[in-house]
Amino acid sequence: MEEDMTIRLQVIVNDAKLTREEKIKALQGLYSYAIAEQPGAADSPILDGDALAETLQHIERALQDFDAPVHADQNPAASG
């Protein structure tokens, strides 16, 4: 499943049809999804501890490339 998350990340970042804001929103959603599915969550996690940490780091780096926070509510520009 880690490979699936990596593919999703690459598709989001490389999709020329998405605006910067759409990419940021999609990456933030992917990050939240990965966190929600972490080990110990609900039924069965999609990523084990190491794979989760690595995936989250990749998403965080992609968001840094866009100069965006991990969570939408951390963006001071979005609030007004």
N, C-alpha and C. Protein backbone atom coordinates (compact mmCIF):
# COMPACT_ATOMS: atom_id res chain seq x y z
N MET A 1 0.81 -1.20 0.00
CA MET A 1 0.00 0.00 0.00
C MET A 1 0.86 1.27 0.00
N GLU A 2 2.08 1.15 0.52
CA GLU A 2 3.00 2.30 0.50
C GLU A 2 3.24 2.76 -0.93
N GLU A 3 3.38 1.80 -1.84
CA GLU A 3 3.60 2.14 -3.24
C GLU A 3 2.41 2.91 -3.80
N ASP A 4 1.21 2.53 -3.40
CA ASP A 4 0.00 3.23 -3.84
C ASP A 4 0.02 4.68 -3.37
N MET A 5 0.43 4.92 -2.13
CA MET A 5 0.49 6.28 -1.60
C MET A 5 1.55 7.09 -2.34
N THR A 6 2.67 6.47 -2.66
CA THR A 6 3.73 7.15 -3.39
C THR A 6 3.27 7.52 -4.79
N ILE A 7 2.54 6.64 -5.42
CA ILE A 7 2.00 6.92 -6.75
C ILE A 7 1.01 8.08 -6.68
N ARG A 8 0.14 8.06 -5.70
CA ARG A 8 -0.82 9.17 -5.54
C ARG A 8 -0.09 10.50 -5.37
N LEU A 9 0.95 10.48 -4.55
CA LEU A 9 1.75 11.68 -4.32
C LEU A 9 2.35 12.20 -5.61
N GLN A 10 2.93 11.31 -6.41
CA GLN A 10 3.55 11.70 -7.67
C GLN A 10 2.52 12.22 -8.66
N VAL A 11 1.36 11.59 -8.69
CA VAL A 11 0.31 12.04 -9.61
C VAL A 11 -0.14 13.45 -9.24
N ILE A 12 -0.34 13.70 -7.96
CA ILE A 12 -0.76 15.02 -7.52
C ILE A 12 0.27 16.08 -7.90
N VAL A 13 1.52 15.82 -7.57
CA VAL A 13 2.58 16.79 -7.80
C VAL A 13 2.79 17.05 -9.30
N ASN A 14 2.67 16.02 -10.11
CA ASN A 14 2.99 16.14 -11.53
C ASN A 14 1.80 16.45 -12.43
N ASP A 15 0.60 16.53 -11.88
CA ASP A 15 -0.59 16.78 -12.69
C ASP A 15 -0.63 18.24 -13.14
N ALA A 16 -0.42 18.45 -14.42
CA ALA A 16 -0.37 19.80 -14.97
C ALA A 16 -1.75 20.47 -14.98
N LYS A 17 -2.80 19.70 -14.85
CA LYS A 17 -4.16 20.25 -14.87
C LYS A 17 -4.55 20.87 -13.53
N LEU A 18 -3.85 20.49 -12.47
CA LEU A 18 -4.18 21.01 -11.14
C LEU A 18 -3.47 22.33 -10.89
N THR A 19 -4.18 23.24 -10.25
CA THR A 19 -3.56 24.50 -9.85
C THR A 19 -2.70 24.24 -8.61
N ARG A 20 -1.89 25.21 -8.26
CA ARG A 20 -1.06 25.10 -7.06
C ARG A 20 -1.94 24.85 -5.84
N GLU A 21 -3.04 25.58 -5.72
CA GLU A 21 -3.93 25.44 -4.57
C GLU A 21 -4.58 24.07 -4.54
N GLU A 22 -4.96 23.55 -5.70
CA GLU A 22 -5.56 22.22 -5.77
C GLU A 22 -4.55 21.15 -5.36
N LYS A 23 -3.31 21.33 -5.78
CA LYS A 23 -2.26 20.38 -5.41
C LYS A 23 -2.03 20.40 -3.90
N ILE A 24 -1.98 21.59 -3.34
CA ILE A 24 -1.78 21.73 -1.89
C ILE A 24 -2.92 21.06 -1.14
N LYS A 25 -4.15 21.32 -1.56
CA LYS A 25 -5.31 20.74 -0.90
C LYS A 25 -5.28 19.21 -1.01
N ALA A 26 -4.92 18.70 -2.17
CA ALA A 26 -4.85 17.25 -2.38
C ALA A 26 -3.75 16.63 -1.52
N LEU A 27 -2.60 17.30 -1.43
CA LEU A 27 -1.50 16.79 -0.61
C LEU A 27 -1.88 16.81 0.87
N GLN A 28 -2.55 17.86 1.30
CA GLN A 28 -2.99 17.94 2.68
C GLN A 28 -4.00 16.83 2.98
N GLY A 29 -4.87 16.55 2.03
CA GLY A 29 -5.84 15.47 2.19
C GLY A 29 -5.16 14.11 2.25
N LEU A 30 -4.16 13.91 1.41
CA LEU A 30 -3.41 12.65 1.41
C LEU A 30 -2.68 12.47 2.74
N TYR A 31 -2.13 13.54 3.26
CA TYR A 31 -1.44 13.50 4.55
C TYR A 31 -2.43 13.10 5.65
N SER A 32 -3.59 13.75 5.67
CA SER A 32 -4.60 13.44 6.68
C SER A 32 -5.07 12.00 6.56
N TYR A 33 -5.24 11.53 5.33
CA TYR A 33 -5.65 10.16 5.09
C TYR A 33 -4.61 9.18 5.63
N ALA A 34 -3.34 9.44 5.37
CA ALA A 34 -2.27 8.56 5.85
C ALA A 34 -2.24 8.53 7.37
N ILE A 35 -2.43 9.68 8.00
CA ILE A 35 -2.44 9.76 9.46
C ILE A 35 -3.63 8.97 10.01
N ALA A 36 -4.79 9.12 9.41
CA ALA A 36 -6.00 8.44 9.87
C ALA A 36 -5.88 6.92 9.76
N GLU A 37 -5.08 6.47 8.83
CA GLU A 37 -4.92 5.03 8.59
C GLU A 37 -3.67 4.46 9.24
N GLN A 38 -3.08 5.19 10.16
CA GLN A 38 -1.84 4.73 10.79
C GLN A 38 -2.09 3.50 11.67
N PRO A 39 -1.02 2.80 12.02
CA PRO A 39 -1.17 1.61 12.87
C PRO A 39 -1.94 1.93 14.14
N GLY A 40 -2.86 1.04 14.46
CA GLY A 40 -3.69 1.24 15.64
C GLY A 40 -4.99 1.95 15.34
N ALA A 41 -5.11 2.48 14.14
CA ALA A 41 -6.33 3.18 13.76
C ALA A 41 -7.35 2.20 13.21
N ALA A 42 -8.58 2.42 13.57
CA ALA A 42 -9.73 1.67 13.06
C ALA A 42 -9.44 0.17 12.87
N ASP A 43 -9.76 -0.34 11.70
CA ASP A 43 -9.65 -1.78 11.46
C ASP A 43 -8.23 -2.20 11.13
N SER A 44 -7.79 -1.87 9.94
CA SER A 44 -6.45 -2.29 9.54
C SER A 44 -5.70 -1.12 8.92
N PRO A 45 -4.50 -0.88 9.39
CA PRO A 45 -3.72 0.24 8.84
C PRO A 45 -3.26 -0.06 7.42
N ILE A 46 -3.12 0.99 6.61
CA ILE A 46 -2.63 0.80 5.26
C ILE A 46 -1.11 0.82 5.21
N LEU A 47 -0.49 1.39 6.23
CA LEU A 47 0.98 1.49 6.27
C LEU A 47 1.48 1.09 7.65
N ASP A 48 2.60 0.37 7.70
CA ASP A 48 3.21 0.09 9.00
C ASP A 48 3.98 1.34 9.45
N GLY A 49 4.55 1.29 10.63
CA GLY A 49 5.20 2.47 11.20
C GLY A 49 6.27 3.10 10.33
N ASP A 50 7.21 2.30 9.81
CA ASP A 50 8.29 2.84 8.99
C ASP A 50 7.77 3.39 7.66
N ALA A 51 6.87 2.65 7.03
CA ALA A 51 6.32 3.09 5.75
C ALA A 51 5.50 4.37 5.93
N LEU A 52 4.77 4.44 7.03
CA LEU A 52 3.99 5.65 7.31
C LEU A 52 4.90 6.85 7.48
N ALA A 53 5.95 6.70 8.28
CA ALA A 53 6.87 7.81 8.51
C ALA A 53 7.51 8.27 7.21
N GLU A 54 7.92 7.33 6.38
CA GLU A 54 8.54 7.69 5.11
C GLU A 54 7.55 8.39 4.17
N THR A 55 6.33 7.88 4.12
CA THR A 55 5.31 8.48 3.27
C THR A 55 4.98 9.90 3.73
N LEU A 56 4.85 10.09 5.03
CA LEU A 56 4.55 11.42 5.56
C LEU A 56 5.69 12.39 5.26
N GLN A 57 6.92 11.91 5.32
CA GLN A 57 8.06 12.78 4.99
C GLN A 57 8.02 13.20 3.52
N HIS A 58 7.66 12.28 2.64
CA HIS A 58 7.56 12.62 1.22
C HIS A 58 6.47 13.68 0.99
N ILE A 59 5.34 13.50 1.65
CA ILE A 59 4.24 14.47 1.50
C ILE A 59 4.65 15.82 2.07
N GLU A 60 5.30 15.81 3.23
CA GLU A 60 5.75 17.06 3.85
C GLU A 60 6.73 17.79 2.94
N ARG A 61 7.65 17.05 2.32
CA ARG A 61 8.61 17.69 1.40
C ARG A 61 7.90 18.28 0.20
N ALA A 62 6.91 17.58 -0.32
CA ALA A 62 6.16 18.10 -1.47
C ALA A 62 5.43 19.38 -1.07
N LEU A 63 4.86 19.41 0.12
CA LEU A 63 4.18 20.62 0.58
C LEU A 63 5.19 21.75 0.79
N GLN A 64 6.37 21.44 1.28
CA GLN A 64 7.41 22.46 1.44
C GLN A 64 7.80 23.05 0.09
N ASP A 65 7.81 22.21 -0.94
CA ASP A 65 8.12 22.69 -2.29
C ASP A 65 7.10 23.73 -2.74
N PHE A 66 5.86 23.58 -2.26
CA PHE A 66 4.81 24.55 -2.58
C PHE A 66 4.73 25.65 -1.52
N ASP A 67 5.64 25.61 -0.55
CA ASP A 67 5.65 26.58 0.54
C ASP A 67 4.30 26.60 1.25
N ALA A 68 3.80 25.39 1.54
CA ALA A 68 2.48 25.25 2.16
C ALA A 68 2.59 24.43 3.44
N PRO A 69 1.68 24.69 4.40
CA PRO A 69 1.68 23.91 5.63
C PRO A 69 1.07 22.52 5.41
N VAL A 70 1.29 21.65 6.36
CA VAL A 70 0.76 20.29 6.27
C VAL A 70 -0.77 20.30 6.38
N HIS A 71 -1.30 21.16 7.24
CA HIS A 71 -2.74 21.24 7.44
C HIS A 71 -3.26 22.59 6.97
N ALA A 72 -4.42 22.58 6.33
CA ALA A 72 -4.99 23.80 5.77
C ALA A 72 -5.19 24.89 6.83
N ASP A 73 -5.55 24.51 8.06
CA ASP A 73 -5.79 25.50 9.10
C ASP A 73 -4.52 26.15 9.62
N GLN A 74 -3.36 25.71 9.13
CA GLN A 74 -2.09 26.32 9.53
C GLN A 74 -1.68 27.43 8.56
N ASN A 75 -2.46 27.66 7.55
CA ASN A 75 -2.10 28.62 6.51
C ASN A 75 -2.68 29.99 6.85
N PRO A 76 -1.84 30.92 7.31
CA PRO A 76 -2.35 32.24 7.67
C PRO A 76 -2.95 33.00 6.49
N ALA A 77 -2.48 32.77 5.29
CA ALA A 77 -3.01 33.46 4.11
C ALA A 77 -4.42 33.00 3.78
N ALA A 78 -4.78 31.79 4.17
CA ALA A 78 -6.09 31.24 3.85
C ALA A 78 -7.17 31.81 4.77
N SER A 79 -6.78 32.49 5.84
CA SER A 79 -7.77 32.94 6.81
C SER A 79 -8.16 34.40 6.63
N GLY A 80 -8.03 34.91 5.44
CA GLY A 80 -8.59 36.19 5.36
C GLY A 80 -8.09 37.20 4.49
